[in-house]
PDB file of N, CA and C in Angstrom:
ATOM      1  N   MET A   1     -18.441 -34.194  31.515  1.00  0.00           N
ATOM      2  CA  MET A   1     -17.377 -33.352  32.036  1.00  0.00           C
ATOM      3  C   MET A   1     -17.908 -32.259  32.959  1.00  0.00           C
ATOM      4  N   HIS A   2     -19.169 -31.969  32.891  1.00  0.00           N
ATOM      5  CA  HIS A   2     -19.706 -30.890  33.719  1.00  0.00           C
ATOM      6  C   HIS A   2     -19.674 -31.233  35.212  1.00  0.00           C
ATOM      7  N   LYS A   3     -19.605 -32.523  35.542  1.00  0.00           N
ATOM      8  CA  LYS A   3     -19.563 -32.932  36.945  1.00  0.00           C
ATOM      9  C   LYS A   3     -18.152 -33.271  37.421  1.00  0.00           C
ATOM     10  N   VAL A   4     -17.179 -33.256  36.521  1.00  0.00           N
ATOM     11  CA  VAL A   4     -15.804 -33.634  36.849  1.00  0.00           C
ATOM     12  C   VAL A   4     -15.072 -32.438  37.446  1.00  0.00           C
ATOM     13  N   THR A   5     -14.310 -32.689  38.523  1.00  0.00           N
ATOM     14  CA  THR A   5     -13.523 -31.615  39.134  1.00  0.00           C
ATOM     15  C   THR A   5     -12.030 -31.769  38.871  1.00  0.00           C
ATOM     16  N   ARG A   6     -11.552 -32.997  38.659  1.00  0.00           N
ATOM     17  CA  ARG A   6     -10.151 -33.267  38.364  1.00  0.00           C
ATOM     18  C   ARG A   6     -10.060 -34.546  37.552  1.00  0.00           C
ATOM     19  N   VAL A   7      -9.026 -34.614  36.717  1.00  0.00           N
ATOM     20  CA  VAL A   7      -8.775 -35.822  35.942  1.00  0.00           C
ATOM     21  C   VAL A   7      -7.418 -36.366  36.364  1.00  0.00           C
ATOM     22  N   PHE A   8      -7.376 -37.622  36.772  1.00  0.00           N
ATOM     23  CA  PHE A   8      -6.138 -38.301  37.149  1.00  0.00           C
ATOM     24  C   PHE A   8      -5.781 -39.294  36.050  1.00  0.00           C
ATOM     25  N   LEU A   9      -4.554 -39.202  35.560  1.00  0.00           N
ATOM     26  CA  LEU A   9      -4.079 -40.108  34.514  1.00  0.00           C
ATOM     27  C   LEU A   9      -2.715 -40.658  34.905  1.00  0.00           C
ATOM     28  N   GLY A  10      -2.418 -41.838  34.448  1.00  0.00           N
ATOM     29  CA  GLY A  10      -1.102 -42.428  34.671  1.00  0.00           C
ATOM     30  C   GLY A  10      -0.177 -42.092  33.517  1.00  0.00           C
ATOM     31  N   ALA A  11       1.095 -42.401  33.681  1.00  0.00           N
ATOM     32  CA  ALA A  11       2.072 -42.137  32.630  1.00  0.00           C
ATOM     33  C   ALA A  11       3.098 -43.257  32.575  1.00  0.00           C
ATOM     34  N   SER A  12       3.500 -43.599  31.368  1.00  0.00           N
ATOM     35  CA  SER A  12       4.593 -44.541  31.199  1.00  0.00           C
ATOM     36  C   SER A  12       5.915 -43.836  31.418  1.00  0.00           C
ATOM     37  N   SER A  13       5.974 -42.546  31.027  1.00  0.00           N
ATOM     38  CA  SER A  13       7.143 -41.714  31.317  1.00  0.00           C
ATOM     39  C   SER A  13       6.784 -40.247  31.104  1.00  0.00           C
ATOM     40  N   VAL A  14       7.615 -39.386  31.695  1.00  0.00           N
ATOM     41  CA  VAL A  14       7.517 -37.951  31.474  1.00  0.00           C
ATOM     42  C   VAL A  14       8.848 -37.536  30.855  1.00  0.00           C
ATOM     43  N   LEU A  15       8.781 -36.962  29.678  1.00  0.00           N
ATOM     44  CA  LEU A  15       9.982 -36.612  28.938  1.00  0.00           C
ATOM     45  C   LEU A  15      10.498 -35.246  29.368  1.00  0.00           C
ATOM     46  N   SER A  16      11.717 -34.921  28.980  1.00  0.00           N
ATOM     47  CA  SER A  16      12.380 -33.726  29.498  1.00  0.00           C
ATOM     48  C   SER A  16      11.703 -32.425  29.084  1.00  0.00           C
ATOM     49  N   ASN A  17      10.933 -32.424  28.015  1.00  0.00           N
ATOM     50  CA  ASN A  17      10.214 -31.215  27.625  1.00  0.00           C
ATOM     51  C   ASN A  17       8.816 -31.155  28.229  1.00  0.00           C
ATOM     52  N   GLY A  18       8.521 -32.061  29.164  1.00  0.00           N
ATOM     53  CA  GLY A  18       7.243 -32.068  29.851  1.00  0.00           C
ATOM     54  C   GLY A  18       6.176 -32.890  29.172  1.00  0.00           C
ATOM     55  N   THR A  19       6.492 -33.471  28.038  1.00  0.00           N
ATOM     56  CA  THR A  19       5.542 -34.324  27.325  1.00  0.00           C
ATOM     57  C   THR A  19       5.298 -35.591  28.132  1.00  0.00           C
ATOM     58  N   VAL A  20       4.035 -35.979  28.235  1.00  0.00           N
ATOM     59  CA  VAL A  20       3.670 -37.204  28.942  1.00  0.00           C
ATOM     60  C   VAL A  20       3.486 -38.311  27.914  1.00  0.00           C
ATOM     61  N   TYR A  21       4.199 -39.397  28.104  1.00  0.00           N
ATOM     62  CA  TYR A  21       4.152 -40.556  27.225  1.00  0.00           C
ATOM     63  C   TYR A  21       3.339 -41.621  27.947  1.00  0.00           C
ATOM     64  N   SER A  22       2.164 -41.950  27.394  1.00  0.00           N
ATOM     65  CA  SER A  22       1.276 -42.874  28.091  1.00  0.00           C
ATOM     66  C   SER A  22       0.435 -43.661  27.093  1.00  0.00           C
ATOM     67  N   ARG A  23      -0.399 -44.552  27.614  1.00  0.00           N
ATOM     68  CA  ARG A  23      -1.228 -45.403  26.765  1.00  0.00           C
ATOM     69  C   ARG A  23      -2.091 -44.563  25.839  1.00  0.00           C
ATOM     70  N   VAL A  24      -2.320 -45.074  24.648  1.00  0.00           N
ATOM     71  CA  VAL A  24      -3.098 -44.352  23.651  1.00  0.00           C
ATOM     72  C   VAL A  24      -4.480 -44.005  24.221  1.00  0.00           C
ATOM     73  N   GLY A  25      -4.911 -42.791  23.972  1.00  0.00           N
ATOM     74  CA  GLY A  25      -6.177 -42.292  24.496  1.00  0.00           C
ATOM     75  C   GLY A  25      -5.987 -41.259  25.590  1.00  0.00           C
ATOM     76  N   THR A  26      -4.822 -41.262  26.205  1.00  0.00           N
ATOM     77  CA  THR A  26      -4.537 -40.312  27.277  1.00  0.00           C
ATOM     78  C   THR A  26      -4.631 -38.876  26.775  1.00  0.00           C
ATOM     79  N   THR A  27      -4.092 -38.613  25.609  1.00  0.00           N
ATOM     80  CA  THR A  27      -4.110 -37.262  25.064  1.00  0.00           C
ATOM     81  C   THR A  27      -5.531 -36.772  24.825  1.00  0.00           C
ATOM     82  N   CYS A  28      -6.388 -37.631  24.313  1.00  0.00           N
ATOM     83  CA  CYS A  28      -7.787 -37.233  24.068  1.00  0.00           C
ATOM     84  C   CYS A  28      -8.480 -36.831  25.364  1.00  0.00           C
ATOM     85  N   VAL A  29      -8.289 -37.600  26.408  1.00  0.00           N
ATOM     86  CA  VAL A  29      -8.907 -37.282  27.701  1.00  0.00           C
ATOM     87  C   VAL A  29      -8.358 -35.963  28.232  1.00  0.00           C
ATOM     88  N   ALA A  30      -7.049 -35.779  28.150  1.00  0.00           N
ATOM     89  CA  ALA A  30      -6.425 -34.543  28.642  1.00  0.00           C
ATOM     90  C   ALA A  30      -6.890 -33.326  27.844  1.00  0.00           C
ATOM     91  N   MET A  31      -7.042 -33.466  26.548  1.00  0.00           N
ATOM     92  CA  MET A  31      -7.491 -32.350  25.712  1.00  0.00           C
ATOM     93  C   MET A  31      -8.927 -31.949  26.031  1.00  0.00           C
ATOM     94  N   VAL A  32      -9.795 -32.917  26.243  1.00  0.00           N
ATOM     95  CA  VAL A  32     -11.183 -32.607  26.591  1.00  0.00           C
ATOM     96  C   VAL A  32     -11.243 -31.932  27.951  1.00  0.00           C
ATOM     97  N   ALA A  33     -10.500 -32.449  28.914  1.00  0.00           N
ATOM     98  CA  ALA A  33     -10.473 -31.829  30.246  1.00  0.00           C
ATOM     99  C   ALA A  33      -9.960 -30.395  30.153  1.00  0.00           C
ATOM    100  N   HIS A  34      -8.912 -30.183  29.374  1.00  0.00           N
ATOM    101  CA  HIS A  34      -8.351 -28.847  29.197  1.00  0.00           C
ATOM    102  C   HIS A  34      -9.382 -27.898  28.585  1.00  0.00           C
ATOM    103  N   ALA A  35     -10.140 -28.377  27.625  1.00  0.00           N
ATOM    104  CA  ALA A  35     -11.165 -27.551  26.983  1.00  0.00           C
ATOM    105  C   ALA A  35     -12.255 -27.134  27.963  1.00  0.00           C
ATOM    106  N   PHE A  36     -12.497 -27.971  28.982  1.00  0.00           N
ATOM    107  CA  PHE A  36     -13.500 -27.672  30.004  1.00  0.00           C
ATOM    108  C   PHE A  36     -12.887 -27.003  31.232  1.00  0.00           C
ATOM    109  N   HIS A  37     -11.610 -26.639  31.159  1.00  0.00           N
ATOM    110  CA  HIS A  37     -10.889 -25.984  32.263  1.00  0.00           C
ATOM    111  C   HIS A  37     -10.865 -26.853  33.517  1.00  0.00           C
ATOM    112  N   ILE A  38     -10.654 -28.146  33.327  1.00  0.00           N
ATOM    113  CA  ILE A  38     -10.566 -29.104  34.425  1.00  0.00           C
ATOM    114  C   ILE A  38      -9.099 -29.496  34.580  1.00  0.00           C
ATOM    115  N   PRO A  39      -8.546 -29.394  35.793  1.00  0.00           N
ATOM    116  CA  PRO A  39      -7.137 -29.747  35.995  1.00  0.00           C
ATOM    117  C   PRO A  39      -6.853 -31.213  35.670  1.00  0.00           C
ATOM    118  N   VAL A  40      -5.729 -31.439  34.997  1.00  0.00           N
ATOM    119  CA  VAL A  40      -5.285 -32.792  34.661  1.00  0.00           C
ATOM    120  C   VAL A  40      -4.061 -33.095  35.512  1.00  0.00           C
ATOM    121  N   LEU A  41      -4.156 -34.129  36.336  1.00  0.00           N
ATOM    122  CA  LEU A  41      -3.064 -34.538  37.211  1.00  0.00           C
ATOM    123  C   LEU A  41      -2.499 -35.857  36.697  1.00  0.00           C
ATOM    124  N   ILE A  42      -1.194 -35.883  36.506  1.00  0.00           N
ATOM    125  CA  ILE A  42      -0.522 -37.083  36.019  1.00  0.00           C
ATOM    126  C   ILE A  42       0.176 -37.745  37.198  1.00  0.00           C
ATOM    127  N   CYS A  43      -0.053 -39.039  37.386  1.00  0.00           N
ATOM    128  CA  CYS A  43       0.611 -39.808  38.434  1.00  0.00           C
ATOM    129  C   CYS A  43       1.738 -40.617  37.779  1.00  0.00           C
ATOM    130  N   CYS A  44       2.973 -40.349  38.215  1.00  0.00           N
ATOM    131  CA  CYS A  44       4.123 -40.987  37.582  1.00  0.00           C
ATOM    132  C   CYS A  44       5.269 -41.083  38.593  1.00  0.00           C
ATOM    133  N   GLU A  45       5.855 -42.265  38.728  1.00  0.00           N
ATOM    134  CA  GLU A  45       6.999 -42.433  39.607  1.00  0.00           C
ATOM    135  C   GLU A  45       8.182 -41.640  39.071  1.00  0.00           C
ATOM    136  N   ALA A  46       9.018 -41.161  39.968  1.00  0.00           N
ATOM    137  CA  ALA A  46      10.145 -40.302  39.587  1.00  0.00           C
ATOM    138  C   ALA A  46      11.140 -41.025  38.670  1.00  0.00           C
ATOM    139  N   TYR A  47      11.280 -42.328  38.808  1.00  0.00           N
ATOM    140  CA  TYR A  47      12.233 -43.041  37.959  1.00  0.00           C
ATOM    141  C   TYR A  47      11.784 -43.079  36.497  1.00  0.00           C
ATOM    142  N   LYS A  48      10.549 -42.694  36.220  1.00  0.00           N
ATOM    143  CA  LYS A  48      10.045 -42.677  34.858  1.00  0.00           C
ATOM    144  C   LYS A  48      10.277 -41.340  34.150  1.00  0.00           C
ATOM    145  N   PHE A  49      10.909 -40.382  34.819  1.00  0.00           N
ATOM    146  CA  PHE A  49      11.271 -39.132  34.160  1.00  0.00           C
ATOM    147  C   PHE A  49      12.460 -39.425  33.250  1.00  0.00           C
ATOM    148  N   HIS A  50      12.378 -38.967  32.030  1.00  0.00           N
ATOM    149  CA  HIS A  50      13.362 -39.353  31.019  1.00  0.00           C
ATOM    150  C   HIS A  50      13.929 -38.119  30.340  1.00  0.00           C
ATOM    151  N   GLU A  51      15.204 -38.168  29.984  1.00  0.00           N
ATOM    152  CA  GLU A  51      15.842 -37.015  29.344  1.00  0.00           C
ATOM    153  C   GLU A  51      15.505 -36.892  27.867  1.00  0.00           C
ATOM    154  N   ARG A  52      14.882 -37.889  27.309  1.00  0.00           N
ATOM    155  CA  ARG A  52      14.520 -37.878  25.887  1.00  0.00           C
ATOM    156  C   ARG A  52      13.450 -36.824  25.592  1.00  0.00           C
ATOM    157  N   VAL A  53      13.424 -36.327  24.380  1.00  0.00           N
ATOM    158  CA  VAL A  53      12.384 -35.417  23.905  1.00  0.00           C
ATOM    159  C   VAL A  53      11.688 -36.093  22.741  1.00  0.00           C
ATOM    160  N   GLN A  54      10.371 -36.065  22.759  1.00  0.00           N
ATOM    161  CA  GLN A  54       9.605 -36.647  21.660  1.00  0.00           C
ATOM    162  C   GLN A  54       8.463 -35.707  21.341  1.00  0.00           C
ATOM    163  N   LEU A  55       8.310 -35.362  20.083  1.00  0.00           N
ATOM    164  CA  LEU A  55       7.303 -34.387  19.693  1.00  0.00           C
ATOM    165  C   LEU A  55       6.048 -35.009  19.100  1.00  0.00           C
ATOM    166  N   ASP A  56       6.104 -36.281  18.750  1.00  0.00           N
ATOM    167  CA  ASP A  56       4.925 -36.925  18.179  1.00  0.00           C
ATOM    168  C   ASP A  56       4.828 -38.362  18.663  1.00  0.00           C
ATOM    169  N   SER A  57       3.750 -39.023  18.279  1.00  0.00           N
ATOM    170  CA  SER A  57       3.526 -40.402  18.713  1.00  0.00           C
ATOM    171  C   SER A  57       3.957 -41.423  17.674  1.00  0.00           C
ATOM    172  N   ILE A  58       4.489 -40.982  16.564  1.00  0.00           N
ATOM    173  CA  ILE A  58       4.782 -41.892  15.463  1.00  0.00           C
ATOM    174  C   ILE A  58       6.221 -42.399  15.483  1.00  0.00           C
ATOM    175  N   CYS A  59       7.189 -41.518  15.714  1.00  0.00           N
ATOM    176  CA  CYS A  59       8.610 -41.860  15.530  1.00  0.00           C
ATOM    177  C   CYS A  59       9.073 -43.029  16.385  1.00  0.00           C
ATOM    178  N   SER A  60       8.831 -42.979  17.674  1.00  0.00           N
ATOM    179  CA  SER A  60       9.270 -44.041  18.588  1.00  0.00           C
ATOM    180  C   SER A  60       8.053 -44.533  19.349  1.00  0.00           C
ATOM    181  N   ASN A  61       7.494 -45.615  18.890  1.00  0.00           N
ATOM    182  CA  ASN A  61       6.293 -46.131  19.520  1.00  0.00           C
ATOM    183  C   ASN A  61       6.259 -47.633  19.343  1.00  0.00           C
ATOM    184  N   GLU A  62       5.438 -48.283  20.146  1.00  0.00           N
ATOM    185  CA  GLU A  62       5.226 -49.715  19.992  1.00  0.00           C
ATOM    186  C   GLU A  62       3.961 -49.918  19.182  1.00  0.00           C
ATOM    187  N   LEU A  63       3.956 -50.974  18.390  1.00  0.00           N
ATOM    188  CA  LEU A  63       2.799 -51.269  17.565  1.00  0.00           C
ATOM    189  C   LEU A  63       2.068 -52.489  18.103  1.00  0.00           C
ATOM    190  N   GLY A  64       0.755 -52.385  18.143  1.00  0.00           N
ATOM    191  CA  GLY A  64      -0.074 -53.505  18.551  1.00  0.00           C
ATOM    192  C   GLY A  64      -0.571 -54.268  17.336  1.00  0.00           C
ATOM    193  N   ASP A  65      -1.308 -55.312  17.578  1.00  0.00           N
ATOM    194  CA  ASP A  65      -1.870 -56.149  16.525  1.00  0.00           C
ATOM    195  C   ASP A  65      -2.919 -55.350  15.750  1.00  0.00           C
ATOM    196  N   PRO A  66      -2.759 -55.171  14.439  1.00  0.00           N
ATOM    197  CA  PRO A  66      -3.728 -54.403  13.664  1.00  0.00           C
ATOM    198  C   PRO A  66      -5.126 -55.020  13.664  1.00  0.00           C
ATOM    199  N   ASP A  67      -5.208 -56.337  13.850  1.00  0.00           N
ATOM    200  CA  ASP A  67      -6.522 -56.978  13.895  1.00  0.00           C
ATOM    201  C   ASP A  67      -7.344 -56.518  15.097  1.00  0.00           C
ATOM    202  N   MET A  68      -6.671 -56.003  16.121  1.00  0.00           N
ATOM    203  CA  MET A  68      -7.396 -55.534  17.312  1.00  0.00           C
ATOM    204  C   MET A  68      -8.274 -54.324  16.991  1.00  0.00           C
ATOM    205  N   ILE A  69      -7.882 -53.505  16.027  1.00  0.00           N
ATOM    206  CA  ILE A  69      -8.689 -52.331  15.698  1.00  0.00           C
ATOM    207  C   ILE A  69      -9.590 -52.559  14.492  1.00  0.00           C
ATOM    208  N   SER A  70      -9.427 -53.695  13.819  1.00  0.00           N
ATOM    209  CA  SER A  70     -10.268 -53.970  12.656  1.00  0.00           C
ATOM    210  C   SER A  70     -11.536 -54.727  13.027  1.00  0.00           C
ATOM    211  N   LYS A  71     -11.609 -55.256  14.211  1.00  0.00           N
ATOM    212  CA  LYS A  71     -12.767 -56.034  14.653  1.00  0.00           C
ATOM    213  C   LYS A  71     -13.552 -55.269  15.716  1.00  0.00           C
ATOM    214  N   VAL A  72     -14.845 -55.245  15.585  1.00  0.00           N
ATOM    215  CA  VAL A  72     -15.721 -54.650  16.587  1.00  0.00           C
ATOM    216  C   VAL A  72     -16.550 -55.789  17.154  1.00  0.00           C
ATOM    217  N   THR A  73     -16.226 -56.186  18.368  1.00  0.00           N
ATOM    218  CA  THR A  73     -16.913 -57.334  18.955  1.00  0.00           C
ATOM    219  C   THR A  73     -18.374 -56.998  19.228  1.00  0.00           C
ATOM    220  N   GLY A  74     -19.232 -57.961  18.925  1.00  0.00           N
ATOM    221  CA  GLY A  74     -20.653 -57.801  19.182  1.00  0.00           C
ATOM    222  C   GLY A  74     -21.397 -56.994  18.135  1.00  0.00           C
ATOM    223  N   ARG A  75     -20.717 -56.533  17.109  1.00  0.00           N
ATOM    224  CA  ARG A  75     -21.358 -55.718  16.063  1.00  0.00           C
ATOM    225  C   ARG A  75     -21.022 -56.317  14.696  1.00  0.00           C
ATOM    226  N   GLN A  76     -21.769 -57.293  14.282  1.00  0.00           N
ATOM    227  CA  GLN A  76     -21.515 -57.969  13.015  1.00  0.00           C
ATOM    228  C   GLN A  76     -21.715 -57.052  11.809  1.00  0.00           C
ATOM    229  N   GLU A  77     -22.599 -56.035  11.946  1.00  0.00           N
ATOM    230  CA  GLU A  77     -22.866 -55.149  10.805  1.00  0.00           C
ATOM    231  C   GLU A  77     -21.704 -54.194  10.522  1.00  0.00           C
ATOM    232  N   LEU A  78     -20.775 -54.058  11.481  1.00  0.00           N
ATOM    233  CA  LEU A  78     -19.600 -53.219  11.267  1.00  0.00           C
ATOM    234  C   LEU A  78     -18.455 -54.084  10.756  1.00  0.00           C
ATOM    235  N   ASN A  79     -18.451 -54.320   9.471  1.00  0.00           N
ATOM    236  CA  ASN A  79     -17.456 -55.213   8.887  1.00  0.00           C
ATOM    237  C   ASN A  79     -16.665 -54.528   7.781  1.00  0.00           C
ATOM    238  N   HIS A  80     -16.516 -53.216   7.859  1.00  0.00           N
ATOM    239  CA  HIS A  80     -15.851 -52.461   6.796  1.00  0.00           C
ATOM    240  C   HIS A  80     -14.384 -52.859   6.618  1.00  0.00           C
ATOM    241  N   LEU A  81     -13.771 -53.371   7.654  1.00  0.00           N
ATOM    242  CA  LEU A  81     -12.350 -53.705   7.564  1.00  0.00           C
ATOM    243  C   LEU A  81     -12.087 -55.209   7.472  1.00  0.00           C
ATOM    244  N   ASP A  82     -13.132 -55.972   7.200  1.00  0.00           N
ATOM    245  CA  ASP A  82     -12.905 -57.398   6.968  1.00  0.00           C
ATOM    246  C   ASP A  82     -11.976 -57.559   5.765  1.00  0.00           C
ATOM    247  N   ASN A  83     -11.063 -58.481   5.847  1.00  0.00           N
ATOM    248  CA  ASN A  83     -10.091 -58.765   4.780  1.00  0.00           C
ATOM    249  C   ASN A  83      -9.221 -57.549   4.445  1.00  0.00           C
ATOM    250  N   TRP A  84      -8.933 -56.726   5.431  1.00  0.00           N
ATOM    251  CA  TRP A  84      -8.133 -55.525   5.200  1.00  0.00           C
ATOM    252  C   TRP A  84      -6.723 -55.862   4.721  1.00  0.00           C
ATOM    253  N   ALA A  85      -6.201 -56.984   5.158  1.00  0.00           N
ATOM    254  CA  ALA A  85      -4.822 -57.348   4.813  1.00  0.00           C
ATOM    255  C   ALA A  85      -4.669 -57.638   3.323  1.00  0.00           C
ATOM    256  N   GLU A  86      -5.755 -57.941   2.642  1.00  0.00           N
ATOM    257  CA  GLU A  86      -5.689 -58.236   1.211  1.00  0.00           C
ATOM    258  C   GLU A  86      -5.643 -56.969   0.358  1.00  0.00           C
ATOM    259  N   ASP A  87      -5.964 -55.816   0.947  1.00  0.00           N
ATOM    260  CA  ASP A  87      -5.945 -54.546   0.214  1.00  0.00           C
ATOM    261  C   ASP A  87      -4.539 -53.962   0.282  1.00  0.00           C
ATOM    262  N   GLU A  88      -3.838 -53.926  -0.841  1.00  0.00           N
ATOM    263  CA  GLU A  88      -2.452 -53.462  -0.850  1.00  0.00           C
ATOM    264  C   GLU A  88      -2.321 -51.972  -0.570  1.00  0.00           C
ATOM    265  N   ASN A  89      -3.401 -51.211  -0.693  1.00  0.00           N
ATOM    266  CA  ASN A  89      -3.358 -49.772  -0.448  1.00  0.00           C
ATOM    267  C   ASN A  89      -3.743 -49.394   0.984  1.00  0.00           C
ATOM    268  N   LEU A  90      -3.994 -50.389   1.816  1.00  0.00           N
ATOM    269  CA  LEU A  90      -4.432 -50.116   3.186  1.00  0.00           C
ATOM    270  C   LEU A  90      -3.495 -50.779   4.180  1.00  0.00           C
ATOM    271  N   GLN A  91      -3.005 -49.985   5.122  1.00  0.00           N
ATOM    272  CA  GLN A  91      -2.212 -50.520   6.222  1.00  0.00           C
ATOM    273  C   GLN A  91      -2.790 -49.959   7.515  1.00  0.00           C
ATOM    274  N   LEU A  92      -3.087 -50.823   8.458  1.00  0.00           N
ATOM    275  CA  LEU A  92      -3.611 -50.384   9.746  1.00  0.00           C
ATOM    276  C   LEU A  92      -2.461 -50.160  10.712  1.00  0.00           C
ATOM    277  N   LEU A  93      -2.566 -49.116  11.502  1.00  0.00           N
ATOM    278  CA  LEU A  93      -1.531 -48.767  12.473  1.00  0.00           C
ATOM    279  C   LEU A  93      -2.169 -48.722  13.851  1.00  0.00           C
ATOM    280  N   ASN A  94      -1.796 -49.642  14.697  1.00  0.00           N
ATOM    281  CA  ASN A  94      -2.338 -49.729  16.048  1.00  0.00           C
ATOM    282  C   ASN A  94      -1.243 -49.295  17.023  1.00  0.00           C
ATOM    283  N   LEU A  95      -1.210 -47.998  17.321  1.00  0.00           N
ATOM    284  CA  LEU A  95      -0.208 -47.469  18.238  1.00  0.00           C
ATOM    285  C   LEU A  95      -0.569 -47.825  19.678  1.00  0.00           C
ATOM    286  N   ILE A  96       0.433 -48.109  20.489  1.00  0.00           N
ATOM    287  CA  ILE A  96       0.216 -48.451  21.890  1.00  0.00           C
ATOM    288  C   ILE A  96       0.255 -47.201  22.770  1.00  0.00           C
ATOM    289  N   TYR A  97       1.099 -46.239  22.459  1.00  0.00           N
ATOM    290  CA  TYR A  97       1.276 -45.055  23.293  1.00  0.00           C
ATOM    291  C   TYR A  97       0.957 -43.781  22.516  1.00  0.00           C
ATOM    292  N   ASP A  98       0.661 -42.715  23.244  1.00  0.00           N
ATOM    293  CA  ASP A  98       0.570 -41.399  22.624  1.00  0.00           C
ATOM    294  C   ASP A  98       1.310 -40.391  23.492  1.00  0.00           C
ATOM    295  N   THR A  99       1.526 -39.219  22.931  1.00  0.00           N
ATOM    296  CA  THR A  99       2.255 -38.172  23.639  1.00  0.00           C
ATOM    297  C   THR A  99       1.299 -37.024  23.935  1.00  0.00           C
ATOM    298  N   THR A 100       1.261 -36.627  25.190  1.00  0.00           N
ATOM    299  CA  THR A 100       0.419 -35.520  25.632  1.00  0.00           C
ATOM    300  C   THR A 100       1.306 -34.312  25.884  1.00  0.00           C
ATOM    301  N   PRO A 101       1.105 -33.235  25.133  1.00  0.00           N
ATOM    302  CA  PRO A 101       1.922 -32.036  25.343  1.00  0.00           C
ATOM    303  C   PRO A 101       1.718 -31.462  26.743  1.00  0.00           C
ATOM    304  N   ASN A 102       2.751 -30.807  27.274  1.00  0.00           N
ATOM    305  CA  ASN A 102       2.678 -30.296  28.641  1.00  0.00           C
ATOM    306  C   ASN A 102       1.623 -29.203  28.817  1.00  0.00           C
ATOM    307  N   ASP A 103       1.132 -28.627  27.739  1.00  0.00           N
ATOM    308  CA  ASP A 103       0.082 -27.606  27.836  1.00  0.00           C
ATOM    309  C   ASP A 103      -1.207 -28.151  28.445  1.00  0.00           C
ATOM    310  N   TYR A 104      -1.423 -29.454  28.352  1.00  0.00           N
ATOM    311  CA  TYR A 104      -2.656 -30.059  28.839  1.00  0.00           C
ATOM    312  C   TYR A 104      -2.529 -30.634  30.248  1.00  0.00           C
ATOM    313  N   VAL A 105      -1.377 -30.484  30.867  1.00  0.00           N
ATOM    314  CA  VAL A 105      -1.126 -31.070  32.189  1.00  0.00           C
ATOM    315  C   VAL A 105      -0.997 -29.960  33.223  1.00  0.00           C
ATOM    316  N   SER A 106      -1.731 -30.097  34.335  1.00  0.00           N
ATOM    317  CA  SER A 106      -1.696 -29.091  35.396  1.00  0.00           C
ATOM    318  C   SER A 106      -0.682 -29.425  36.471  1.00  0.00           C
ATOM    319  N   LEU A 107      -0.529 -30.710  36.786  1.00  0.00           N
ATOM    320  CA  LEU A 107       0.285 -31.131  37.921  1.00  0.00           C
ATOM    321  C   LEU A 107       0.756 -32.551  37.700  1.00  0.00           C
ATOM    322  N   ILE A 108       1.987 -32.824  38.120  1.00  0.00           N
ATOM    323  CA  ILE A 108       2.491 -34.195  38.096  1.00  0.00           C
ATOM    324  C   ILE A 108       2.723 -34.629  39.534  1.00  0.00           C
ATOM    325  N   VAL A 109       2.149 -35.750  39.895  1.00  0.00           N
ATOM    326  CA  VAL A 109       2.297 -36.303  41.239  1.00  0.00           C
ATOM    327  C   VAL A 109       3.312 -37.436  41.150  1.00  0.00           C
ATOM    328  N   THR A 110       4.398 -37.322  41.938  1.00  0.00           N
ATOM    329  CA  THR A 110       5.450 -38.340  41.947  1.00  0.00           C
ATOM    330  C   THR A 110       5.610 -38.885  43.362  1.00  0.00           C
ATOM    331  N   ASP A 111       6.494 -39.857  43.520  1.00  0.00           N
ATOM    332  CA  ASP A 111       6.781 -40.401  44.843  1.00  0.00           C
ATOM    333  C   ASP A 111       7.597 -39.425  45.683  1.00  0.00           C
ATOM    334  N   TYR A 112       8.123 -38.364  45.077  1.00  0.00           N
ATOM    335  CA  TYR A 112       8.863 -37.338  45.811  1.00  0.00           C
ATOM    336  C   TYR A 112       8.015 -36.108  46.104  1.00  0.00           C
ATOM    337  N   GLY A 113       6.838 -36.055  45.578  1.00  0.00           N
ATOM    338  CA  GLY A 113       5.971 -34.900  45.773  1.00  0.00           C
ATOM    339  C   GLY A 113       5.325 -34.486  44.473  1.00  0.00           C
ATOM    340  N   MET A 114       4.855 -33.255  44.441  1.00  0.00           N
ATOM    341  CA  MET A 114       4.138 -32.759  43.276  1.00  0.00           C
ATOM    342  C   MET A 114       4.979 -31.738  42.521  1.00  0.00           C
ATOM    343  N   VAL A 115       4.852 -31.763  41.222  1.00  0.00           N
ATOM    344  CA  VAL A 115       5.509 -30.796  40.358  1.00  0.00           C
ATOM    345  C   VAL A 115       4.414 -29.958  39.728  1.00  0.00           C
ATOM    346  N   ILE A 116       4.417 -28.667  40.021  1.00  0.00           N
ATOM    347  CA  ILE A 116       3.440 -27.788  39.404  1.00  0.00           C
ATOM    348  C   ILE A 116       3.815 -27.692  37.935  1.00  0.00           C
ATOM    349  N   HIS A 117       2.857 -27.912  37.112  1.00  0.00           N
ATOM    350  CA  HIS A 117       3.150 -28.122  35.712  1.00  0.00           C
ATOM    351  C   HIS A 117       2.505 -27.060  34.834  1.00  0.00           C
ATOM    352  N   ALA A 118       2.618 -25.773  35.238  1.00  0.00           N
ATOM    353  CA  ALA A 118       2.099 -24.717  34.374  1.00  0.00           C
ATOM    354  C   ALA A 118       2.761 -24.842  33.018  1.00  0.00           C
ATOM    355  N   ARG A 119       4.035 -24.965  33.004  1.00  0.00           N
ATOM    356  CA  ARG A 119       4.859 -25.408  31.886  1.00  0.00           C
ATOM    357  C   ARG A 119       6.066 -26.034  32.548  1.00  0.00           C
ATOM    358  N   LEU A 120       6.210 -27.323  32.409  1.00  0.00           N
ATOM    359  CA  LEU A 120       7.248 -28.049  33.143  1.00  0.00           C
ATOM    360  C   LEU A 120       8.635 -27.505  32.830  1.00  0.00           C
ATOM    361  N   GLY A 121       8.826 -27.005  31.636  1.00  0.00           N
ATOM    362  CA  GLY A 121      10.131 -26.453  31.287  1.00  0.00           C
ATOM    363  C   GLY A 121      10.459 -25.194  32.074  1.00  0.00           C
ATOM    364  N   GLU A 122       9.449 -24.480  32.577  1.00  0.00           N
ATOM    365  CA  GLU A 122       9.668 -23.237  33.289  1.00  0.00           C
ATOM    366  C   GLU A 122       9.637 -23.397  34.799  1.00  0.00           C
ATOM    367  N   VAL A 123       8.830 -24.360  35.288  1.00  0.00           N
ATOM    368  CA  VAL A 123       8.655 -24.533  36.725  1.00  0.00           C
ATOM    369  C   VAL A 123       9.161 -25.894  37.109  1.00  0.00           C
ATOM    370  N   GLY A 124       9.945 -25.997  38.143  1.00  0.00           N
ATOM    371  CA  GLY A 124      10.470 -27.299  38.551  1.00  0.00           C
ATOM    372  C   GLY A 124       9.983 -27.750  39.873  1.00  0.00           C
TER     373      GLY A 124
END
């Protein structure tokens, strides 16, 4: 991060409270950039702006195949989750999207121009 000057991320949608809804992992990248005081720019078409509000990644999300996160390709010694489906006390959750709070976003770039995103609810 010491050599990074800006972080560009895509978005599946931007919600009315400024939350960015995007592929899982987006929030982690935005949080690290924010911690290093690096601007985070979100690229999102204007038709993806949505009136919905979502505060977490759990309530409305798509689920992926749990086997995708239980297998580590090329690492046979990492087999802690082999036969996970047989353990009645274990359920794997493979979320497809996460929500990035507007505090971690500096600017949204759309097909109509840029939205300064100090706090999207305050600046339009």
